[in-house]
PDB file of N, CA and C in Angstrom:
ATOM      1  N   UNK A   1     120.710 -55.860  97.833  1.00  0.00           N
ATOM      2  CA  UNK A   1     121.626 -55.015  97.084  1.00  0.00           C
ATOM      3  C   UNK A   1     120.973 -54.474  95.829  1.00  0.00           C
ATOM      4  N   UNK A   2     120.072 -55.248  95.250  1.00  0.00           N
ATOM      5  CA  UNK A   2     119.401 -54.795  94.026  1.00  0.00           C
ATOM      6  C   UNK A   2     118.589 -53.529  94.303  1.00  0.00           C
ATOM      7  N   UNK A   3     117.923 -53.504  95.461  1.00  0.00           N
ATOM      8  CA  UNK A   3     117.142 -52.321  95.833  1.00  0.00           C
ATOM      9  C   UNK A   3     118.048 -51.103  96.008  1.00  0.00           C
ATOM     10  N   UNK A   4     119.192 -51.294  96.612  1.00  0.00           N
ATOM     11  CA  UNK A   4     120.152 -50.195  96.788  1.00  0.00           C
ATOM     12  C   UNK A   4     120.599 -49.674  95.425  1.00  0.00           C
ATOM     13  N   UNK A   5     120.837 -50.589  94.484  1.00  0.00           N
ATOM     14  CA  UNK A   5     121.213 -50.193  93.131  1.00  0.00           C
ATOM     15  C   UNK A   5     120.129 -49.370  92.460  1.00  0.00           C
ATOM     16  N   UNK A   6     118.885 -49.790  92.598  1.00  0.00           N
ATOM     17  CA  UNK A   6     117.767 -49.048  92.000  1.00  0.00           C
ATOM     18  C   UNK A   6     117.575 -47.679  92.647  1.00  0.00           C
ATOM     19  N   UNK A   7     117.727 -47.608  93.957  1.00  0.00           N
ATOM     20  CA  UNK A   7     117.597 -46.315  94.646  1.00  0.00           C
ATOM     21  C   UNK A   7     118.691 -45.362  94.174  1.00  0.00           C
ATOM     22  N   UNK A   8     119.920 -45.849  94.116  1.00  0.00           N
ATOM     23  CA  UNK A   8     121.020 -45.014  93.626  1.00  0.00           C
ATOM     24  C   UNK A   8     120.800 -44.579  92.195  1.00  0.00           C
ATOM     25  N   UNK A   9     120.354 -45.486  91.347  1.00  0.00           N
ATOM     26  CA  UNK A   9     120.103 -45.162  89.944  1.00  0.00           C
ATOM     27  C   UNK A   9     119.004 -44.113  89.813  1.00  0.00           C
ATOM     28  N   UNK A  10     117.949 -44.258  90.606  1.00  0.00           N
ATOM     29  CA  UNK A  10     116.853 -43.290  90.568  1.00  0.00           C
ATOM     30  C   UNK A  10     117.313 -41.904  91.011  1.00  0.00           C
ATOM     31  N   UNK A  11     118.079 -41.863  92.083  1.00  0.00           N
ATOM     32  CA  UNK A  11     118.582 -40.575  92.572  1.00  0.00           C
ATOM     33  C   UNK A  11     119.506 -39.911  91.553  1.00  0.00           C
ATOM     34  N   UNK A  12     120.424 -40.686  90.987  1.00  0.00           N
ATOM     35  CA  UNK A  12     121.337 -40.121  89.993  1.00  0.00           C
ATOM     36  C   UNK A  12     120.616 -39.749  88.701  1.00  0.00           C
ATOM     37  N   UNK A  13     119.649 -40.553  88.312  1.00  0.00           N
ATOM     38  CA  UNK A  13     118.910 -40.279  87.077  1.00  0.00           C
ATOM     39  C   UNK A  13     118.111 -38.989  87.162  1.00  0.00           C
ATOM     40  N   UNK A  14     117.649 -38.658  88.347  1.00  0.00           N
ATOM     41  CA  UNK A  14     116.801 -37.465  88.494  1.00  0.00           C
ATOM     42  C   UNK A  14     117.599 -36.199  88.811  1.00  0.00           C
ATOM     43  N   UNK A  15     118.911 -36.309  88.938  1.00  0.00           N
ATOM     44  CA  UNK A  15     119.742 -35.125  89.224  1.00  0.00           C
ATOM     45  C   UNK A  15     119.639 -34.061  88.134  1.00  0.00           C
ATOM     46  N   UNK A  16     119.467 -34.472  86.910  1.00  0.00           N
ATOM     47  CA  UNK A  16     119.426 -33.520  85.794  1.00  0.00           C
ATOM     48  C   UNK A  16     118.061 -32.849  85.647  1.00  0.00           C
ATOM     49  N   UNK A  17     117.034 -33.420  86.224  1.00  0.00           N
ATOM     50  CA  UNK A  17     115.691 -32.871  86.048  1.00  0.00           C
ATOM     51  C   UNK A  17     115.546 -31.420  86.517  1.00  0.00           C
ATOM     52  N   UNK A  18     116.136 -31.014  87.646  1.00  0.00           N
ATOM     53  CA  UNK A  18     116.019 -29.603  88.027  1.00  0.00           C
ATOM     54  C   UNK A  18     116.588 -28.648  86.966  1.00  0.00           C
ATOM     55  N   UNK A  19     117.680 -29.050  86.314  1.00  0.00           N
ATOM     56  CA  UNK A  19     118.261 -28.198  85.267  1.00  0.00           C
ATOM     57  C   UNK A  19     117.337 -28.115  84.064  1.00  0.00           C
ATOM     58  N   UNK A  20     116.766 -29.229  83.674  1.00  0.00           N
ATOM     59  CA  UNK A  20     115.833 -29.241  82.539  1.00  0.00           C
ATOM     60  C   UNK A  20     114.607 -28.391  82.863  1.00  0.00           C
ATOM     61  N   UNK A  21     114.058 -28.566  84.049  1.00  0.00           N
ATOM     62  CA  UNK A  21     112.866 -27.808  84.457  1.00  0.00           C
ATOM     63  C   UNK A  21     113.180 -26.319  84.531  1.00  0.00           C
ATOM     64  N   UNK A  22     114.319 -25.962  85.119  1.00  0.00           N
ATOM     65  CA  UNK A  22     114.730 -24.560  85.233  1.00  0.00           C
ATOM     66  C   UNK A  22     114.905 -23.924  83.847  1.00  0.00           C
ATOM     67  N   UNK A  23     115.528 -24.653  82.946  1.00  0.00           N
ATOM     68  CA  UNK A  23     115.732 -24.144  81.595  1.00  0.00           C
ATOM     69  C   UNK A  23     114.401 -23.948  80.885  1.00  0.00           C
ATOM     70  N   UNK A  24     113.480 -24.862  81.063  1.00  0.00           N
ATOM     71  CA  UNK A  24     112.159 -24.715  80.457  1.00  0.00           C
ATOM     72  C   UNK A  24     111.392 -23.536  81.043  1.00  0.00           C
ATOM     73  N   UNK A  25     111.468 -23.368  82.360  1.00  0.00           N
ATOM     74  CA  UNK A  25     110.763 -22.257  83.023  1.00  0.00           C
ATOM     75  C   UNK A  25     111.305 -20.901  82.587  1.00  0.00           C
ATOM     76  N   UNK A  26     112.624 -20.770  82.594  1.00  0.00           N
ATOM     77  CA  UNK A  26     113.256 -19.486  82.296  1.00  0.00           C
ATOM     78  C   UNK A  26     113.362 -19.214  80.788  1.00  0.00           C
ATOM     79  N   UNK A  27     113.192 -20.254  79.997  1.00  0.00           N
ATOM     80  CA  UNK A  27     113.295 -20.148  78.538  1.00  0.00           C
ATOM     81  C   UNK A  27     114.625 -19.550  78.085  1.00  0.00           C
ATOM     82  N   UNK A  28     115.670 -19.946  78.774  1.00  0.00           N
ATOM     83  CA  UNK A  28     117.009 -19.496  78.410  1.00  0.00           C
ATOM     84  C   UNK A  28     118.011 -20.577  78.799  1.00  0.00           C
ATOM     85  N   UNK A  29     119.098 -20.622  78.048  1.00  0.00           N
ATOM     86  CA  UNK A  29     120.183 -21.539  78.373  1.00  0.00           C
ATOM     87  C   UNK A  29     121.401 -20.777  78.878  1.00  0.00           C
ATOM     88  N   UNK A  30     121.187 -19.515  79.241  1.00  0.00           N
ATOM     89  CA  UNK A  30     122.274 -18.705  79.794  1.00  0.00           C
ATOM     90  C   UNK A  30     122.810 -19.380  81.047  1.00  0.00           C
ATOM     91  N   UNK A  31     124.118 -19.444  81.155  1.00  0.00           N
ATOM     92  CA  UNK A  31     124.744 -20.064  82.313  1.00  0.00           C
ATOM     93  C   UNK A  31     124.928 -21.563  82.177  1.00  0.00           C
ATOM     94  N   UNK A  32     124.417 -22.126  81.104  1.00  0.00           N
ATOM     95  CA  UNK A  32     124.564 -23.553  80.859  1.00  0.00           C
ATOM     96  C   UNK A  32     125.526 -23.735  79.686  1.00  0.00           C
ATOM     97  N   UNK A  33     126.567 -24.497  79.900  1.00  0.00           N
ATOM     98  CA  UNK A  33     127.603 -24.669  78.896  1.00  0.00           C
ATOM     99  C   UNK A  33     127.228 -25.766  77.897  1.00  0.00           C
ATOM    100  N   UNK A  34     127.243 -25.425  76.613  1.00  0.00           N
ATOM    101  CA  UNK A  34     126.979 -26.403  75.565  1.00  0.00           C
ATOM    102  C   UNK A  34     128.056 -27.493  75.577  1.00  0.00           C
ATOM    103  N   UNK A  35     129.302 -27.111  75.792  1.00  0.00           N
ATOM    104  CA  UNK A  35     130.394 -28.082  75.853  1.00  0.00           C
ATOM    105  C   UNK A  35     130.156 -29.070  77.001  1.00  0.00           C
ATOM    106  N   UNK A  36     129.701 -28.568  78.134  1.00  0.00           N
ATOM    107  CA  UNK A  36     129.401 -29.442  79.271  1.00  0.00           C
ATOM    108  C   UNK A  36     128.341 -30.472  78.899  1.00  0.00           C
ATOM    109  N   UNK A  37     127.257 -30.028  78.272  1.00  0.00           N
ATOM    110  CA  UNK A  37     126.164 -30.941  77.932  1.00  0.00           C
ATOM    111  C   UNK A  37     126.631 -31.973  76.897  1.00  0.00           C
ATOM    112  N   UNK A  38     127.406 -31.549  75.911  1.00  0.00           N
ATOM    113  CA  UNK A  38     127.924 -32.481  74.907  1.00  0.00           C
ATOM    114  C   UNK A  38     128.881 -33.497  75.532  1.00  0.00           C
ATOM    115  N   UNK A  39     129.751 -33.017  76.428  1.00  0.00           N
ATOM    116  CA  UNK A  39     130.706 -33.884  77.122  1.00  0.00           C
ATOM    117  C   UNK A  39     129.957 -34.895  77.989  1.00  0.00           C
ATOM    118  N   UNK A  40     128.943 -34.417  78.693  1.00  0.00           N
ATOM    119  CA  UNK A  40     128.115 -35.251  79.559  1.00  0.00           C
ATOM    120  C   UNK A  40     127.414 -36.329  78.728  1.00  0.00           C
ATOM    121  N   UNK A  41     126.821 -35.918  77.603  1.00  0.00           N
ATOM    122  CA  UNK A  41     126.126 -36.863  76.734  1.00  0.00           C
ATOM    123  C   UNK A  41     127.089 -37.930  76.217  1.00  0.00           C
ATOM    124  N   UNK A  42     128.255 -37.515  75.762  1.00  0.00           N
ATOM    125  CA  UNK A  42     129.243 -38.474  75.262  1.00  0.00           C
ATOM    126  C   UNK A  42     129.641 -39.461  76.356  1.00  0.00           C
ATOM    127  N   UNK A  43     129.850 -38.981  77.560  1.00  0.00           N
ATOM    128  CA  UNK A  43     130.192 -39.856  78.677  1.00  0.00           C
ATOM    129  C   UNK A  43     129.104 -40.873  78.962  1.00  0.00           C
ATOM    130  N   UNK A  44     127.863 -40.425  78.922  1.00  0.00           N
ATOM    131  CA  UNK A  44     126.733 -41.328  79.163  1.00  0.00           C
ATOM    132  C   UNK A  44     126.647 -42.395  78.070  1.00  0.00           C
ATOM    133  N   UNK A  45     126.797 -41.993  76.828  1.00  0.00           N
ATOM    134  CA  UNK A  45     126.698 -42.943  75.709  1.00  0.00           C
ATOM    135  C   UNK A  45     127.810 -43.989  75.793  1.00  0.00           C
ATOM    136  N   UNK A  46     129.047 -43.540  76.012  1.00  0.00           N
ATOM    137  CA  UNK A  46     130.152 -44.489  76.118  1.00  0.00           C
ATOM    138  C   UNK A  46     129.959 -45.437  77.305  1.00  0.00           C
ATOM    139  N   UNK A  47     129.425 -44.934  78.401  1.00  0.00           N
ATOM    140  CA  UNK A  47     129.209 -45.783  79.573  1.00  0.00           C
ATOM    141  C   UNK A  47     128.110 -46.800  79.312  1.00  0.00           C
ATOM    142  N   UNK A  48     127.060 -46.415  78.599  1.00  0.00           N
ATOM    143  CA  UNK A  48     126.003 -47.369  78.246  1.00  0.00           C
ATOM    144  C   UNK A  48     126.579 -48.491  77.386  1.00  0.00           C
ATOM    145  N   UNK A  49     127.415 -48.127  76.427  1.00  0.00           N
ATOM    146  CA  UNK A  49     128.047 -49.147  75.587  1.00  0.00           C
ATOM    147  C   UNK A  49     128.855 -50.111  76.447  1.00  0.00           C
ATOM    148  N   UNK A  50     129.624 -49.576  77.373  1.00  0.00           N
ATOM    149  CA  UNK A  50     130.433 -50.407  78.272  1.00  0.00           C
ATOM    150  C   UNK A  50     129.557 -51.316  79.120  1.00  0.00           C
ATOM    151  N   UNK A  51     128.503 -50.749  79.709  1.00  0.00           N
ATOM    152  CA  UNK A  51     127.626 -51.534  80.589  1.00  0.00           C
ATOM    153  C   UNK A  51     126.937 -52.642  79.795  1.00  0.00           C
ATOM    154  N   UNK A  52     126.517 -52.352  78.580  1.00  0.00           N
ATOM    155  CA  UNK A  52     125.877 -53.382  77.756  1.00  0.00           C
ATOM    156  C   UNK A  52     126.857 -54.498  77.404  1.00  0.00           C
ATOM    157  N   UNK A  53     128.100 -54.137  77.211  1.00  0.00           N
ATOM    158  CA  UNK A  53     129.114 -55.121  76.833  1.00  0.00           C
ATOM    159  C   UNK A  53     129.645 -55.914  78.028  1.00  0.00           C
ATOM    160  N   UNK A  54     129.907 -55.232  79.117  1.00  0.00           N
ATOM    161  CA  UNK A  54     130.659 -55.823  80.224  1.00  0.00           C
ATOM    162  C   UNK A  54     129.799 -56.265  81.412  1.00  0.00           C
ATOM    163  N   UNK A  55     128.910 -55.400  81.851  1.00  0.00           N
ATOM    164  CA  UNK A  55     128.207 -55.659  83.116  1.00  0.00           C
ATOM    165  C   UNK A  55     126.757 -55.199  83.013  1.00  0.00           C
ATOM    166  N   UNK A  56     125.975 -55.904  82.226  1.00  0.00           N
ATOM    167  CA  UNK A  56     124.593 -55.519  81.968  1.00  0.00           C
ATOM    168  C   UNK A  56     123.788 -55.474  83.264  1.00  0.00           C
ATOM    169  N   UNK A  57     123.436 -54.260  83.680  1.00  0.00           N
ATOM    170  CA  UNK A  57     122.661 -54.059  84.902  1.00  0.00           C
ATOM    171  C   UNK A  57     121.542 -53.062  84.618  1.00  0.00           C
ATOM    172  N   UNK A  58     120.312 -53.458  84.904  1.00  0.00           N
ATOM    173  CA  UNK A  58     119.170 -52.599  84.625  1.00  0.00           C
ATOM    174  C   UNK A  58     119.194 -51.262  85.373  1.00  0.00           C
ATOM    175  N   UNK A  59     119.575 -51.236  86.665  1.00  0.00           N
ATOM    176  CA  UNK A  59     119.615 -49.932  87.336  1.00  0.00           C
ATOM    177  C   UNK A  59     120.570 -48.956  86.655  1.00  0.00           C
ATOM    178  N   UNK A  60     121.722 -49.451  86.205  1.00  0.00           N
ATOM    179  CA  UNK A  60     122.681 -48.580  85.525  1.00  0.00           C
ATOM    180  C   UNK A  60     122.123 -48.091  84.196  1.00  0.00           C
ATOM    181  N   UNK A  61     121.517 -48.997  83.443  1.00  0.00           N
ATOM    182  CA  UNK A  61     120.950 -48.601  82.154  1.00  0.00           C
ATOM    183  C   UNK A  61     119.818 -47.591  82.333  1.00  0.00           C
ATOM    184  N   UNK A  62     119.023 -47.770  83.382  1.00  0.00           N
ATOM    185  CA  UNK A  62     117.963 -46.806  83.684  1.00  0.00           C
ATOM    186  C   UNK A  62     118.559 -45.426  83.947  1.00  0.00           C
ATOM    187  N   UNK A  63     119.563 -45.376  84.804  1.00  0.00           N
ATOM    188  CA  UNK A  63     120.224 -44.118  85.141  1.00  0.00           C
ATOM    189  C   UNK A  63     120.778 -43.449  83.889  1.00  0.00           C
ATOM    190  N   UNK A  64     121.563 -44.184  83.115  1.00  0.00           N
ATOM    191  CA  UNK A  64     122.189 -43.594  81.935  1.00  0.00           C
ATOM    192  C   UNK A  64     121.153 -43.220  80.879  1.00  0.00           C
ATOM    193  N   UNK A  65     120.114 -44.030  80.761  1.00  0.00           N
ATOM    194  CA  UNK A  65     119.053 -43.725  79.795  1.00  0.00           C
ATOM    195  C   UNK A  65     118.344 -42.416  80.112  1.00  0.00           C
ATOM    196  N   UNK A  66     118.011 -42.203  81.372  1.00  0.00           N
ATOM    197  CA  UNK A  66     117.352 -40.956  81.778  1.00  0.00           C
ATOM    198  C   UNK A  66     118.298 -39.774  81.566  1.00  0.00           C
ATOM    199  N   UNK A  67     119.564 -39.946  81.895  1.00  0.00           N
ATOM    200  CA  UNK A  67     120.527 -38.861  81.697  1.00  0.00           C
ATOM    201  C   UNK A  67     120.727 -38.546  80.217  1.00  0.00           C
ATOM    202  N   UNK A  68     120.756 -39.558  79.374  1.00  0.00           N
ATOM    203  CA  UNK A  68     120.863 -39.316  77.931  1.00  0.00           C
ATOM    204  C   UNK A  68     119.636 -38.549  77.449  1.00  0.00           C
ATOM    205  N   UNK A  69     118.471 -38.928  77.926  1.00  0.00           N
ATOM    206  CA  UNK A  69     117.245 -38.215  77.560  1.00  0.00           C
ATOM    207  C   UNK A  69     117.314 -36.750  78.000  1.00  0.00           C
ATOM    208  N   UNK A  70     117.771 -36.498  79.219  1.00  0.00           N
ATOM    209  CA  UNK A  70     117.896 -35.124  79.712  1.00  0.00           C
ATOM    210  C   UNK A  70     118.912 -34.332  78.883  1.00  0.00           C
ATOM    211  N   UNK A  71     120.004 -34.957  78.511  1.00  0.00           N
ATOM    212  CA  UNK A  71     121.007 -34.278  77.668  1.00  0.00           C
ATOM    213  C   UNK A  71     120.414 -33.911  76.317  1.00  0.00           C
ATOM    214  N   UNK A  72     119.658 -34.823  75.735  1.00  0.00           N
ATOM    215  CA  UNK A  72     119.036 -34.548  74.442  1.00  0.00           C
ATOM    216  C   UNK A  72     118.050 -33.404  74.559  1.00  0.00           C
ATOM    217  N   UNK A  73     117.253 -33.394  75.626  1.00  0.00           N
ATOM    218  CA  UNK A  73     116.312 -32.284  75.847  1.00  0.00           C
ATOM    219  C   UNK A  73     117.069 -30.967  75.982  1.00  0.00           C
ATOM    220  N   UNK A  74     118.140 -30.957  76.755  1.00  0.00           N
ATOM    221  CA  UNK A  74     118.927 -29.732  76.922  1.00  0.00           C
ATOM    222  C   UNK A  74     119.545 -29.281  75.590  1.00  0.00           C
ATOM    223  N   UNK A  75     120.007 -30.221  74.782  1.00  0.00           N
ATOM    224  CA  UNK A  75     120.554 -29.853  73.473  1.00  0.00           C
ATOM    225  C   UNK A  75     119.477 -29.259  72.568  1.00  0.00           C
ATOM    226  N   UNK A  76     118.289 -29.823  72.616  1.00  0.00           N
ATOM    227  CA  UNK A  76     117.172 -29.264  71.841  1.00  0.00           C
ATOM    228  C   UNK A  76     116.816 -27.859  72.331  1.00  0.00           C
ATOM    229  N   UNK A  77     116.881 -27.661  73.645  1.00  0.00           N
ATOM    230  CA  UNK A  77     116.601 -26.330  74.193  1.00  0.00           C
ATOM    231  C   UNK A  77     117.694 -25.346  73.811  1.00  0.00           C
ATOM    232  N   UNK A  78     118.952 -25.798  73.758  1.00  0.00           N
ATOM    233  CA  UNK A  78     120.033 -24.938  73.275  1.00  0.00           C
ATOM    234  C   UNK A  78     119.718 -24.472  71.866  1.00  0.00           C
ATOM    235  N   UNK A  79     119.331 -25.407  71.014  1.00  0.00           N
ATOM    236  CA  UNK A  79     119.008 -25.077  69.625  1.00  0.00           C
ATOM    237  C   UNK A  79     117.835 -24.106  69.553  1.00  0.00           C
ATOM    238  N   UNK A  80     116.824 -24.367  70.350  1.00  0.00           N
ATOM    239  CA  UNK A  80     115.622 -23.531  70.338  1.00  0.00           C
ATOM    240  C   UNK A  80     115.873 -22.130  70.868  1.00  0.00           C
ATOM    241  N   UNK A  81     116.532 -22.019  72.015  1.00  0.00           N
ATOM    242  CA  UNK A  81     116.697 -20.716  72.660  1.00  0.00           C
ATOM    243  C   UNK A  81     117.868 -19.913  72.109  1.00  0.00           C
ATOM    244  N   UNK A  82     118.867 -20.550  71.567  1.00  0.00           N
ATOM    245  CA  UNK A  82     120.003 -19.815  71.009  1.00  0.00           C
ATOM    246  C   UNK A  82     119.687 -19.264  69.626  1.00  0.00           C
ATOM    247  N   UNK A  83     118.694 -19.827  68.939  1.00  0.00           N
ATOM    248  CA  UNK A  83     118.298 -19.350  67.612  1.00  0.00           C
ATOM    249  C   UNK A  83     117.630 -17.999  67.665  1.00  0.00           C
ATOM    250  N   UNK A  84     116.995 -17.697  68.785  1.00  0.00           N
ATOM    251  CA  UNK A  84     116.218 -16.449  68.902  1.00  0.00           C
ATOM    252  C   UNK A  84     117.107 -15.236  68.965  1.00  0.00           C
TER     253      UNK A  84
END
């Protein structure tokens, strides 16, 4: 079951990578909602807090950690590309 958890966490953690890569390639955040990214980030942070408190599981923390990192990158790209 641990392997299944890690596989699921890896798959979910990498879901955001195509969006980050696409945004970097196109150098635009057009079509990407800032509210969505902020909402997503808040959800990830609250879930990490819950997992740390209630059900500490490394696969879950890995998934949420990668997603938080992707959200932060997207927010930085919003700041960078919207300033121009």
